[in-house]
Amino acid sequence: MAALAWLLIPLLAAVAAGLWGSWANRTRRTRGDGPELDGYARFREAMEKQSSGARGA
């Protein structure tokens, strides 16, 4: 009976890990890449303005 308990512990741990994994990866509302890409575009514009201003000086 003790051997059965020792085999049952990893089985229960695997089931618990599977349940936790499915809960952790549940579908969530995603933002997408829009805000990040907008920020990158603003950064590029600012760097281009700065570099063109330095050349003209």
N, C-alpha and C. Protein backbone atom coordinates (compact mmCIF):
# COMPACT_ATOMS: atom_id res chain seq x y z
N MET A 1 0.81 -1.20 0.00
CA MET A 1 0.00 0.00 0.00
C MET A 1 0.86 1.26 0.00
N ALA A 2 2.02 1.20 0.67
CA ALA A 2 2.90 2.36 0.71
C ALA A 2 3.47 2.65 -0.68
N ALA A 3 3.73 1.59 -1.45
CA ALA A 3 4.25 1.79 -2.80
C ALA A 3 3.21 2.50 -3.67
N LEU A 4 1.95 2.17 -3.48
CA LEU A 4 0.89 2.82 -4.24
C LEU A 4 0.82 4.30 -3.90
N ALA A 5 1.00 4.64 -2.63
CA ALA A 5 0.99 6.04 -2.23
C ALA A 5 2.16 6.79 -2.87
N TRP A 6 3.33 6.17 -2.93
CA TRP A 6 4.49 6.82 -3.53
C TRP A 6 4.31 7.01 -5.03
N LEU A 7 3.56 6.13 -5.68
CA LEU A 7 3.28 6.30 -7.10
C LEU A 7 2.17 7.31 -7.34
N LEU A 8 1.29 7.45 -6.37
CA LEU A 8 0.17 8.37 -6.50
C LEU A 8 0.61 9.83 -6.34
N ILE A 9 1.63 10.07 -5.55
CA ILE A 9 2.10 11.44 -5.30
C ILE A 9 2.56 12.11 -6.61
N PRO A 10 3.45 11.50 -7.40
CA PRO A 10 3.84 12.16 -8.66
C PRO A 10 2.68 12.30 -9.65
N LEU A 11 1.77 11.34 -9.64
CA LEU A 11 0.62 11.43 -10.52
C LEU A 11 -0.24 12.64 -10.15
N LEU A 12 -0.51 12.82 -8.89
CA LEU A 12 -1.29 13.98 -8.45
C LEU A 12 -0.54 15.28 -8.73
N ALA A 13 0.78 15.27 -8.55
CA ALA A 13 1.57 16.46 -8.85
C ALA A 13 1.50 16.80 -10.34
N ALA A 14 1.53 15.80 -11.20
CA ALA A 14 1.44 16.04 -12.64
C ALA A 14 0.07 16.58 -13.03
N VAL A 15 -0.97 16.06 -12.42
CA VAL A 15 -2.32 16.56 -12.69
C VAL A 15 -2.44 18.01 -12.22
N ALA A 16 -1.91 18.29 -11.03
CA ALA A 16 -1.96 19.66 -10.51
C ALA A 16 -1.16 20.61 -11.40
N ALA A 17 0.00 20.17 -11.89
CA ALA A 17 0.81 21.00 -12.78
C ALA A 17 0.08 21.25 -14.10
N GLY A 18 -0.59 20.24 -14.61
CA GLY A 18 -1.36 20.42 -15.84
C GLY A 18 -2.51 21.40 -15.66
N LEU A 19 -3.20 21.30 -14.55
CA LEU A 19 -4.29 22.25 -14.27
C LEU A 19 -3.76 23.66 -14.12
N TRP A 20 -2.66 23.81 -13.39
CA TRP A 20 -2.08 25.14 -13.22
C TRP A 20 -1.59 25.69 -14.55
N GLY A 21 -0.98 24.86 -15.38
CA GLY A 21 -0.50 25.31 -16.68
C GLY A 21 -1.63 25.76 -17.58
N SER A 22 -2.72 25.03 -17.58
CA SER A 22 -3.84 25.44 -18.42
C SER A 22 -4.48 26.71 -17.89
N TRP A 23 -4.50 26.89 -16.58
CA TRP A 23 -5.03 28.13 -16.01
C TRP A 23 -4.11 29.31 -16.31
N ALA A 24 -2.80 29.11 -16.22
CA ALA A 24 -1.84 30.18 -16.46
C ALA A 24 -1.85 30.62 -17.91
N ASN A 25 -2.13 29.72 -18.84
CA ASN A 25 -2.13 30.04 -20.27
C ASN A 25 -3.52 30.30 -20.82
N ARG A 26 -4.45 30.60 -19.95
CA ARG A 26 -5.81 30.83 -20.42
C ARG A 26 -5.84 32.06 -21.33
N THR A 27 -6.85 32.13 -22.14
CA THR A 27 -6.98 33.22 -23.10
C THR A 27 -7.21 34.52 -22.35
N ARG A 28 -6.39 35.49 -22.66
CA ARG A 28 -6.53 36.81 -22.06
C ARG A 28 -6.69 37.83 -23.16
N ARG A 29 -7.19 38.98 -22.79
CA ARG A 29 -7.33 40.05 -23.75
C ARG A 29 -5.94 40.59 -24.08
N THR A 30 -5.59 40.58 -25.34
CA THR A 30 -4.26 41.02 -25.74
C THR A 30 -4.32 42.44 -26.28
N ARG A 31 -3.25 43.17 -26.05
CA ARG A 31 -3.17 44.55 -26.51
C ARG A 31 -2.72 44.64 -27.95
N GLY A 32 -1.91 43.72 -28.37
CA GLY A 32 -1.34 43.81 -29.71
C GLY A 32 -0.07 44.64 -29.68
N ASP A 33 0.47 44.89 -30.85
CA ASP A 33 1.73 45.62 -30.97
C ASP A 33 1.54 47.09 -31.26
N GLY A 34 0.33 47.57 -31.35
CA GLY A 34 0.06 48.96 -31.72
C GLY A 34 0.80 49.99 -30.89
N PRO A 35 0.63 50.00 -29.56
CA PRO A 35 1.30 51.03 -28.75
C PRO A 35 2.82 50.97 -28.84
N GLU A 36 3.39 49.77 -28.90
CA GLU A 36 4.84 49.64 -28.99
C GLU A 36 5.36 50.16 -30.32
N LEU A 37 4.65 49.85 -31.40
CA LEU A 37 5.08 50.32 -32.72
C LEU A 37 4.94 51.83 -32.84
N ASP A 38 3.89 52.40 -32.25
CA ASP A 38 3.73 53.85 -32.26
C ASP A 38 4.87 54.53 -31.51
N GLY A 39 5.24 53.98 -30.36
CA GLY A 39 6.35 54.54 -29.60
C GLY A 39 7.66 54.44 -30.36
N TYR A 40 7.87 53.34 -31.06
CA TYR A 40 9.10 53.18 -31.83
C TYR A 40 9.15 54.18 -32.98
N ALA A 41 8.00 54.41 -33.62
CA ALA A 41 7.96 55.39 -34.72
C ALA A 41 8.28 56.78 -34.20
N ARG A 42 7.74 57.15 -33.04
CA ARG A 42 8.07 58.46 -32.45
C ARG A 42 9.55 58.55 -32.11
N PHE A 43 10.12 57.47 -31.61
CA PHE A 43 11.55 57.45 -31.30
C PHE A 43 12.39 57.66 -32.56
N ARG A 44 12.04 56.96 -33.63
CA ARG A 44 12.79 57.11 -34.89
C ARG A 44 12.70 58.52 -35.43
N GLU A 45 11.50 59.11 -35.36
CA GLU A 45 11.33 60.48 -35.83
C GLU A 45 12.19 61.45 -35.02
N ALA A 46 12.20 61.24 -33.70
CA ALA A 46 13.01 62.13 -32.85
C ALA A 46 14.49 61.97 -33.15
N MET A 47 14.94 60.74 -33.38
CA MET A 47 16.36 60.52 -33.67
C MET A 47 16.73 61.11 -35.04
N GLU A 48 15.83 61.02 -36.02
CA GLU A 48 16.10 61.60 -37.32
C GLU A 48 16.18 63.13 -37.25
N LYS A 49 15.29 63.73 -36.47
CA LYS A 49 15.33 65.18 -36.29
C LYS A 49 16.63 65.60 -35.62
N GLN A 50 17.03 64.85 -34.61
CA GLN A 50 18.23 65.19 -33.86
C GLN A 50 19.46 65.04 -34.75
N SER A 51 19.55 63.99 -35.53
CA SER A 51 20.73 63.77 -36.37
C SER A 51 20.78 64.76 -37.53
N SER A 52 19.63 65.14 -38.08
CA SER A 52 19.64 66.12 -39.18
C SER A 52 19.97 67.50 -38.65
N GLY A 53 19.60 67.83 -37.42
CA GLY A 53 19.94 69.10 -36.83
C GLY A 53 21.43 69.19 -36.53
N ALA A 54 22.06 68.10 -36.18
CA ALA A 54 23.48 68.10 -35.85
C ALA A 54 24.32 68.26 -37.12
N ARG A 55 23.85 67.74 -38.23
CA ARG A 55 24.62 67.84 -39.48
C ARG A 55 24.60 69.28 -40.01
N GLY A 56 23.47 69.93 -39.85
CA GLY A 56 23.35 71.27 -40.40
C GLY A 56 24.10 72.32 -39.59
N ALA A 57 24.48 72.01 -38.37
CA ALA A 57 25.13 73.00 -37.51
C ALA A 57 26.59 73.18 -37.81
